[in-house]
PDB file of N, CA and C in Angstrom:
ATOM      1  N   MET A   1     -51.636 -23.591  50.649  1.00  0.00           N
ATOM      2  CA  MET A   1     -52.078 -24.955  50.729  1.00  0.00           C
ATOM      3  C   MET A   1     -51.456 -25.671  51.920  1.00  0.00           C
ATOM      4  N   LEU A   2     -50.153 -25.606  52.093  1.00  0.00           N
ATOM      5  CA  LEU A   2     -49.493 -26.251  53.220  1.00  0.00           C
ATOM      6  C   LEU A   2     -49.309 -25.235  54.346  1.00  0.00           C
ATOM      7  N   ASP A   3     -49.996 -25.491  55.412  1.00  0.00           N
ATOM      8  CA  ASP A   3     -49.907 -24.634  56.578  1.00  0.00           C
ATOM      9  C   ASP A   3     -48.565 -24.877  57.272  1.00  0.00           C
ATOM     10  N   ASP A   4     -48.065 -23.869  57.971  1.00  0.00           N
ATOM     11  CA  ASP A   4     -46.795 -23.990  58.679  1.00  0.00           C
ATOM     12  C   ASP A   4     -46.848 -25.105  59.727  1.00  0.00           C
ATOM     13  N   PHE A   5     -47.978 -25.227  60.423  1.00  0.00           N
ATOM     14  CA  PHE A   5     -48.131 -26.281  61.419  1.00  0.00           C
ATOM     15  C   PHE A   5     -48.064 -27.658  60.773  1.00  0.00           C
ATOM     16  N   PHE A   6     -48.701 -27.807  59.617  1.00  0.00           N
ATOM     17  CA  PHE A   6     -48.699 -29.086  58.908  1.00  0.00           C
ATOM     18  C   PHE A   6     -47.290 -29.475  58.483  1.00  0.00           C
ATOM     19  N   VAL A   7     -46.517 -28.528  57.996  1.00  0.00           N
ATOM     20  CA  VAL A   7     -45.150 -28.814  57.555  1.00  0.00           C
ATOM     21  C   VAL A   7     -44.299 -29.253  58.744  1.00  0.00           C
ATOM     22  N   ARG A   8     -44.432 -28.550  59.864  1.00  0.00           N
ATOM     23  CA  ARG A   8     -43.658 -28.927  61.066  1.00  0.00           C
ATOM     24  C   ARG A   8     -44.082 -30.293  61.589  1.00  0.00           C
ATOM     25  N   ALA A   9     -45.374 -30.580  61.558  1.00  0.00           N
ATOM     26  CA  ALA A   9     -45.856 -31.891  62.007  1.00  0.00           C
ATOM     27  C   ALA A   9     -45.348 -32.993  61.077  1.00  0.00           C
ATOM     28  N   LEU A  10     -45.313 -32.733  59.795  1.00  0.00           N
ATOM     29  CA  LEU A  10     -44.814 -33.702  58.832  1.00  0.00           C
ATOM     30  C   LEU A  10     -43.331 -33.969  59.049  1.00  0.00           C
ATOM     31  N   ILE A  11     -42.553 -32.933  59.262  1.00  0.00           N
ATOM     32  CA  ILE A  11     -41.118 -33.094  59.529  1.00  0.00           C
ATOM     33  C   ILE A  11     -40.901 -33.858  60.829  1.00  0.00           C
ATOM     34  N   ALA A  12     -41.667 -33.533  61.857  1.00  0.00           N
ATOM     35  CA  ALA A  12     -41.533 -34.241  63.137  1.00  0.00           C
ATOM     36  C   ALA A  12     -41.925 -35.705  62.983  1.00  0.00           C
ATOM     37  N   GLY A  13     -42.973 -36.000  62.246  1.00  0.00           N
ATOM     38  CA  GLY A  13     -43.394 -37.378  62.020  1.00  0.00           C
ATOM     39  C   GLY A  13     -42.347 -38.189  61.276  1.00  0.00           C
ATOM     40  N   ILE A  14     -41.753 -37.589  60.272  1.00  0.00           N
ATOM     41  CA  ILE A  14     -40.696 -38.276  59.526  1.00  0.00           C
ATOM     42  C   ILE A  14     -39.485 -38.508  60.423  1.00  0.00           C
ATOM     43  N   GLY A  15     -39.150 -37.526  61.248  1.00  0.00           N
ATOM     44  CA  GLY A  15     -38.029 -37.687  62.176  1.00  0.00           C
ATOM     45  C   GLY A  15     -38.266 -38.792  63.187  1.00  0.00           C
ATOM     46  N   VAL A  16     -39.471 -38.847  63.724  1.00  0.00           N
ATOM     47  CA  VAL A  16     -39.801 -39.905  64.682  1.00  0.00           C
ATOM     48  C   VAL A  16     -39.752 -41.271  64.003  1.00  0.00           C
ATOM     49  N   ALA A  17     -40.246 -41.355  62.795  1.00  0.00           N
ATOM     50  CA  ALA A  17     -40.222 -42.627  62.064  1.00  0.00           C
ATOM     51  C   ALA A  17     -38.789 -43.078  61.777  1.00  0.00           C
ATOM     52  N   LEU A  18     -37.920 -42.144  61.451  1.00  0.00           N
ATOM     53  CA  LEU A  18     -36.526 -42.492  61.183  1.00  0.00           C
ATOM     54  C   LEU A  18     -35.804 -42.984  62.441  1.00  0.00           C
ATOM     55  N   VAL A  19     -36.192 -42.469  63.594  1.00  0.00           N
ATOM     56  CA  VAL A  19     -35.549 -42.882  64.847  1.00  0.00           C
ATOM     57  C   VAL A  19     -36.143 -44.175  65.380  1.00  0.00           C
ATOM     58  N   THR A  20     -37.464 -44.303  65.360  1.00  0.00           N
ATOM     59  CA  THR A  20     -38.099 -45.457  65.993  1.00  0.00           C
ATOM     60  C   THR A  20     -38.008 -46.739  65.150  1.00  0.00           C
ATOM     61  N   GLY A  21     -37.831 -46.639  63.876  1.00  0.00           N
ATOM     62  CA  GLY A  21     -37.690 -47.835  63.043  1.00  0.00           C
ATOM     63  C   GLY A  21     -36.471 -48.658  63.434  1.00  0.00           C
ATOM     64  N   PRO A  22     -35.285 -48.083  63.362  1.00  0.00           N
ATOM     65  CA  PRO A  22     -34.097 -48.849  63.786  1.00  0.00           C
ATOM     66  C   PRO A  22     -34.128 -49.219  65.271  1.00  0.00           C
ATOM     67  N   LEU A  23     -34.673 -48.361  66.099  1.00  0.00           N
ATOM     68  CA  LEU A  23     -34.752 -48.669  67.525  1.00  0.00           C
ATOM     69  C   LEU A  23     -35.652 -49.875  67.765  1.00  0.00           C
ATOM     70  N   GLY A  24     -36.766 -49.967  67.055  1.00  0.00           N
ATOM     71  CA  GLY A  24     -37.648 -51.120  67.176  1.00  0.00           C
ATOM     72  C   GLY A  24     -36.963 -52.401  66.730  1.00  0.00           C
ATOM     73  N   CYS A  25     -36.200 -52.328  65.653  1.00  0.00           N
ATOM     74  CA  CYS A  25     -35.449 -53.510  65.194  1.00  0.00           C
ATOM     75  C   CYS A  25     -34.424 -53.932  66.235  1.00  0.00           C
ATOM     76  N   PHE A  26     -33.737 -52.981  66.828  1.00  0.00           N
ATOM     77  CA  PHE A  26     -32.749 -53.291  67.860  1.00  0.00           C
ATOM     78  C   PHE A  26     -33.399 -53.973  69.057  1.00  0.00           C
ATOM     79  N   VAL A  27     -34.563 -53.482  69.464  1.00  0.00           N
ATOM     80  CA  VAL A  27     -35.265 -54.070  70.607  1.00  0.00           C
ATOM     81  C   VAL A  27     -35.660 -55.512  70.308  1.00  0.00           C
ATOM     82  N   VAL A  28     -36.142 -55.772  69.114  1.00  0.00           N
ATOM     83  CA  VAL A  28     -36.547 -57.131  68.760  1.00  0.00           C
ATOM     84  C   VAL A  28     -35.321 -58.040  68.642  1.00  0.00           C
ATOM     85  N   TRP A  29     -34.235 -57.543  68.043  1.00  0.00           N
ATOM     86  CA  TRP A  29     -33.034 -58.357  67.897  1.00  0.00           C
ATOM     87  C   TRP A  29     -32.430 -58.727  69.248  1.00  0.00           C
ATOM     88  N   ARG A  30     -32.506 -57.810  70.200  1.00  0.00           N
ATOM     89  CA  ARG A  30     -31.945 -58.073  71.532  1.00  0.00           C
ATOM     90  C   ARG A  30     -32.919 -58.825  72.429  1.00  0.00           C
ATOM     91  N   ARG A  31     -34.068 -59.175  71.899  1.00  0.00           N
ATOM     92  CA  ARG A  31     -35.109 -59.910  72.627  1.00  0.00           C
ATOM     93  C   ARG A  31     -35.559 -59.150  73.879  1.00  0.00           C
ATOM     94  N   LEU A  32     -35.703 -57.844  73.742  1.00  0.00           N
ATOM     95  CA  LEU A  32     -36.153 -56.998  74.843  1.00  0.00           C
ATOM     96  C   LEU A  32     -37.581 -56.505  74.651  1.00  0.00           C
ATOM     97  N   SER A  33     -38.275 -57.016  73.634  1.00  0.00           N
ATOM     98  CA  SER A  33     -39.602 -56.481  73.335  1.00  0.00           C
ATOM     99  C   SER A  33     -40.598 -56.774  74.444  1.00  0.00           C
ATOM    100  N   TYR A  34     -40.546 -57.956  75.020  1.00  0.00           N
ATOM    101  CA  TYR A  34     -41.465 -58.266  76.113  1.00  0.00           C
ATOM    102  C   TYR A  34     -41.123 -57.461  77.363  1.00  0.00           C
ATOM    103  N   PHE A  35     -39.848 -57.198  77.571  1.00  0.00           N
ATOM    104  CA  PHE A  35     -39.413 -56.388  78.700  1.00  0.00           C
ATOM    105  C   PHE A  35     -39.993 -54.979  78.597  1.00  0.00           C
ATOM    106  N   GLY A  36     -39.890 -54.382  77.427  1.00  0.00           N
ATOM    107  CA  GLY A  36     -40.421 -53.035  77.225  1.00  0.00           C
ATOM    108  C   GLY A  36     -41.931 -52.986  77.328  1.00  0.00           C
ATOM    109  N   ASP A  37     -42.589 -54.000  76.810  1.00  0.00           N
ATOM    110  CA  ASP A  37     -44.042 -54.065  76.884  1.00  0.00           C
ATOM    111  C   ASP A  37     -44.498 -54.179  78.336  1.00  0.00           C
ATOM    112  N   THR A  38     -43.817 -54.999  79.103  1.00  0.00           N
ATOM    113  CA  THR A  38     -44.165 -55.152  80.520  1.00  0.00           C
ATOM    114  C   THR A  38     -43.925 -53.864  81.283  1.00  0.00           C
ATOM    115  N   LEU A  39     -42.832 -53.171  80.991  1.00  0.00           N
ATOM    116  CA  LEU A  39     -42.567 -51.911  81.680  1.00  0.00           C
ATOM    117  C   LEU A  39     -43.587 -50.833  81.326  1.00  0.00           C
ATOM    118  N   SER A  40     -44.044 -50.823  80.090  1.00  0.00           N
ATOM    119  CA  SER A  40     -45.052 -49.819  79.732  1.00  0.00           C
ATOM    120  C   SER A  40     -46.366 -50.087  80.451  1.00  0.00           C
ATOM    121  N   HIS A  41     -46.729 -51.352  80.589  1.00  0.00           N
ATOM    122  CA  HIS A  41     -47.949 -51.660  81.329  1.00  0.00           C
ATOM    123  C   HIS A  41     -47.783 -51.412  82.825  1.00  0.00           C
ATOM    124  N   SER A  42     -46.576 -51.595  83.347  1.00  0.00           N
ATOM    125  CA  SER A  42     -46.364 -51.289  84.765  1.00  0.00           C
ATOM    126  C   SER A  42     -46.429 -49.780  85.001  1.00  0.00           C
ATOM    127  N   ALA A  43     -46.054 -48.986  84.005  1.00  0.00           N
ATOM    128  CA  ALA A  43     -46.196 -47.540  84.127  1.00  0.00           C
ATOM    129  C   ALA A  43     -47.672 -47.148  84.215  1.00  0.00           C
ATOM    130  N   LEU A  44     -48.509 -47.839  83.459  1.00  0.00           N
ATOM    131  CA  LEU A  44     -49.953 -47.590  83.568  1.00  0.00           C
ATOM    132  C   LEU A  44     -50.471 -47.967  84.954  1.00  0.00           C
ATOM    133  N   LEU A  45     -49.934 -49.045  85.522  1.00  0.00           N
ATOM    134  CA  LEU A  45     -50.290 -49.410  86.883  1.00  0.00           C
ATOM    135  C   LEU A  45     -49.862 -48.314  87.853  1.00  0.00           C
ATOM    136  N   GLY A  46     -48.688 -47.739  87.637  1.00  0.00           N
ATOM    137  CA  GLY A  46     -48.216 -46.648  88.484  1.00  0.00           C
ATOM    138  C   GLY A  46     -49.126 -45.426  88.415  1.00  0.00           C
ATOM    139  N   VAL A  47     -49.600 -45.102  87.232  1.00  0.00           N
ATOM    140  CA  VAL A  47     -50.528 -43.970  87.081  1.00  0.00           C
ATOM    141  C   VAL A  47     -51.836 -44.253  87.803  1.00  0.00           C
ATOM    142  N   THR A  48     -52.326 -45.478  87.661  1.00  0.00           N
ATOM    143  CA  THR A  48     -53.578 -45.850  88.332  1.00  0.00           C
ATOM    144  C   THR A  48     -53.431 -45.795  89.844  1.00  0.00           C
ATOM    145  N   MET A  49     -52.310 -46.287  90.351  1.00  0.00           N
ATOM    146  CA  MET A  49     -52.075 -46.258  91.797  1.00  0.00           C
ATOM    147  C   MET A  49     -51.946 -44.818  92.303  1.00  0.00           C
ATOM    148  N   ALA A  50     -51.317 -43.974  91.500  1.00  0.00           N
ATOM    149  CA  ALA A  50     -51.157 -42.572  91.893  1.00  0.00           C
ATOM    150  C   ALA A  50     -52.504 -41.870  91.988  1.00  0.00           C
ATOM    151  N   TYR A  51     -53.366 -42.112  91.011  1.00  0.00           N
ATOM    152  CA  TYR A  51     -54.700 -41.513  91.057  1.00  0.00           C
ATOM    153  C   TYR A  51     -55.539 -42.088  92.189  1.00  0.00           C
ATOM    154  N   SER A  52     -55.390 -43.375  92.453  1.00  0.00           N
ATOM    155  CA  SER A  52     -56.194 -44.016  93.497  1.00  0.00           C
ATOM    156  C   SER A  52     -55.829 -43.522  94.888  1.00  0.00           C
ATOM    157  N   PHE A  53     -54.528 -43.354  95.131  1.00  0.00           N
ATOM    158  CA  PHE A  53     -54.069 -42.963  96.461  1.00  0.00           C
ATOM    159  C   PHE A  53     -53.642 -41.503  96.547  1.00  0.00           C
ATOM    160  N   GLU A  54     -53.924 -40.729  95.486  1.00  0.00           N
ATOM    161  CA  GLU A  54     -53.616 -39.297  95.426  1.00  0.00           C
ATOM    162  C   GLU A  54     -52.141 -39.022  95.711  1.00  0.00           C
ATOM    163  N   LEU A  55     -51.266 -39.706  94.964  1.00  0.00           N
ATOM    164  CA  LEU A  55     -49.819 -39.551  95.085  1.00  0.00           C
ATOM    165  C   LEU A  55     -49.273 -38.808  93.872  1.00  0.00           C
ATOM    166  N   ASN A  56     -47.987 -38.484  93.929  1.00  0.00           N
ATOM    167  CA  ASN A  56     -47.308 -37.870  92.796  1.00  0.00           C
ATOM    168  C   ASN A  56     -47.205 -38.906  91.676  1.00  0.00           C
ATOM    169  N   ILE A  57     -47.657 -38.555  90.489  1.00  0.00           N
ATOM    170  CA  ILE A  57     -47.713 -39.509  89.381  1.00  0.00           C
ATOM    171  C   ILE A  57     -46.310 -39.955  88.967  1.00  0.00           C
ATOM    172  N   ALA A  58     -45.389 -39.026  88.811  1.00  0.00           N
ATOM    173  CA  ALA A  58     -44.038 -39.378  88.362  1.00  0.00           C
ATOM    174  C   ALA A  58     -43.348 -40.295  89.364  1.00  0.00           C
ATOM    175  N   LEU A  59     -43.499 -40.011  90.629  1.00  0.00           N
ATOM    176  CA  LEU A  59     -42.877 -40.835  91.664  1.00  0.00           C
ATOM    177  C   LEU A  59     -43.490 -42.229  91.685  1.00  0.00           C
ATOM    178  N   SER A  60     -44.794 -42.304  91.568  1.00  0.00           N
ATOM    179  CA  SER A  60     -45.470 -43.597  91.569  1.00  0.00           C
ATOM    180  C   SER A  60     -45.074 -44.438  90.359  1.00  0.00           C
ATOM    181  N   VAL A  61     -45.017 -43.831  89.188  1.00  0.00           N
ATOM    182  CA  VAL A  61     -44.620 -44.552  87.977  1.00  0.00           C
ATOM    183  C   VAL A  61     -43.182 -45.039  88.113  1.00  0.00           C
ATOM    184  N   PHE A  62     -42.306 -44.199  88.655  1.00  0.00           N
ATOM    185  CA  PHE A  62     -40.906 -44.583  88.825  1.00  0.00           C
ATOM    186  C   PHE A  62     -40.763 -45.759  89.778  1.00  0.00           C
ATOM    187  N   ILE A  63     -41.460 -45.713  90.893  1.00  0.00           N
ATOM    188  CA  ILE A  63     -41.348 -46.776  91.900  1.00  0.00           C
ATOM    189  C   ILE A  63     -41.905 -48.092  91.361  1.00  0.00           C
ATOM    190  N   ILE A  64     -43.097 -48.053  90.781  1.00  0.00           N
ATOM    191  CA  ILE A  64     -43.719 -49.282  90.266  1.00  0.00           C
ATOM    192  C   ILE A  64     -42.896 -49.858  89.119  1.00  0.00           C
ATOM    193  N   SER A  65     -42.455 -49.026  88.188  1.00  0.00           N
ATOM    194  CA  SER A  65     -41.681 -49.515  87.042  1.00  0.00           C
ATOM    195  C   SER A  65     -40.326 -50.069  87.483  1.00  0.00           C
ATOM    196  N   SER A  66     -39.697 -49.426  88.450  1.00  0.00           N
ATOM    197  CA  SER A  66     -38.413 -49.926  88.961  1.00  0.00           C
ATOM    198  C   SER A  66     -38.583 -51.267  89.650  1.00  0.00           C
ATOM    199  N   ALA A  67     -39.632 -51.397  90.439  1.00  0.00           N
ATOM    200  CA  ALA A  67     -39.880 -52.670  91.127  1.00  0.00           C
ATOM    201  C   ALA A  67     -40.141 -53.788  90.120  1.00  0.00           C
ATOM    202  N   ILE A  68     -40.937 -53.517  89.102  1.00  0.00           N
ATOM    203  CA  ILE A  68     -41.237 -54.526  88.089  1.00  0.00           C
ATOM    204  C   ILE A  68     -39.972 -54.866  87.289  1.00  0.00           C
ATOM    205  N   ALA A  69     -39.135 -53.863  86.990  1.00  0.00           N
ATOM    206  CA  ALA A  69     -37.893 -54.128  86.267  1.00  0.00           C
ATOM    207  C   ALA A  69     -36.971 -55.025  87.082  1.00  0.00           C
ATOM    208  N   LEU A  70     -36.867 -54.781  88.381  1.00  0.00           N
ATOM    209  CA  LEU A  70     -36.037 -55.640  89.228  1.00  0.00           C
ATOM    210  C   LEU A  70     -36.582 -57.060  89.296  1.00  0.00           C
ATOM    211  N   ILE A  71     -37.893 -57.189  89.371  1.00  0.00           N
ATOM    212  CA  ILE A  71     -38.503 -58.520  89.371  1.00  0.00           C
ATOM    213  C   ILE A  71     -38.229 -59.234  88.046  1.00  0.00           C
ATOM    214  N   LEU A  72     -38.323 -58.517  86.933  1.00  0.00           N
ATOM    215  CA  LEU A  72     -38.058 -59.125  85.629  1.00  0.00           C
ATOM    216  C   LEU A  72     -36.602 -59.564  85.492  1.00  0.00           C
ATOM    217  N   ILE A  73     -35.690 -58.774  86.034  1.00  0.00           N
ATOM    218  CA  ILE A  73     -34.273 -59.141  85.978  1.00  0.00           C
ATOM    219  C   ILE A  73     -34.027 -60.406  86.789  1.00  0.00           C
ATOM    220  N   GLN A  74     -34.662 -60.495  87.965  1.00  0.00           N
ATOM    221  CA  GLN A  74     -34.513 -61.707  88.772  1.00  0.00           C
ATOM    222  C   GLN A  74     -35.109 -62.921  88.067  1.00  0.00           C
ATOM    223  N   LEU A  75     -36.244 -62.748  87.420  1.00  0.00           N
ATOM    224  CA  LEU A  75     -36.852 -63.851  86.674  1.00  0.00           C
ATOM    225  C   LEU A  75     -36.039 -64.252  85.467  1.00  0.00           C
ATOM    226  N   GLN A  76     -35.345 -63.307  84.871  1.00  0.00           N
ATOM    227  CA  GLN A  76     -34.532 -63.588  83.695  1.00  0.00           C
ATOM    228  C   GLN A  76     -33.332 -64.452  84.083  1.00  0.00           C
ATOM    229  N   LYS A  77     -32.817 -64.298  85.284  1.00  0.00           N
ATOM    230  CA  LYS A  77     -31.650 -65.071  85.725  1.00  0.00           C
ATOM    231  C   LYS A  77     -32.011 -66.521  86.013  1.00  0.00           C
ATOM    232  N   LYS A  78     -33.303 -66.793  86.355  1.00  0.00           N
ATOM    233  CA  LYS A  78     -33.724 -68.164  86.601  1.00  0.00           C
ATOM    234  C   LYS A  78     -33.895 -68.906  85.279  1.00  0.00           C
ATOM    235  N   ASN A  79     -33.681 -70.201  85.348  1.00  0.00           N
ATOM    236  CA  ASN A  79     -33.872 -71.025  84.141  1.00  0.00           C
ATOM    237  C   ASN A  79     -35.204 -71.687  84.160  1.00  0.00           C
TER     238      ASN A  79
END
């Protein structure tokens, strides 16, 4: 009835849920949720730019996400 793949997927799902639950609470408590959301969308921008200009995807995502993170840090310091 229970396939070996299903059991491993179930164990992995439970493990991910146990890790991401407290991590999500920590992110919200530290008020970093918008920061993470913005970085994830900037990573999508990096992928799009990489495909558009035929660049290395990992390098493009790293550069775009780093630039956006630096901009967010500068904006955070302003009142």
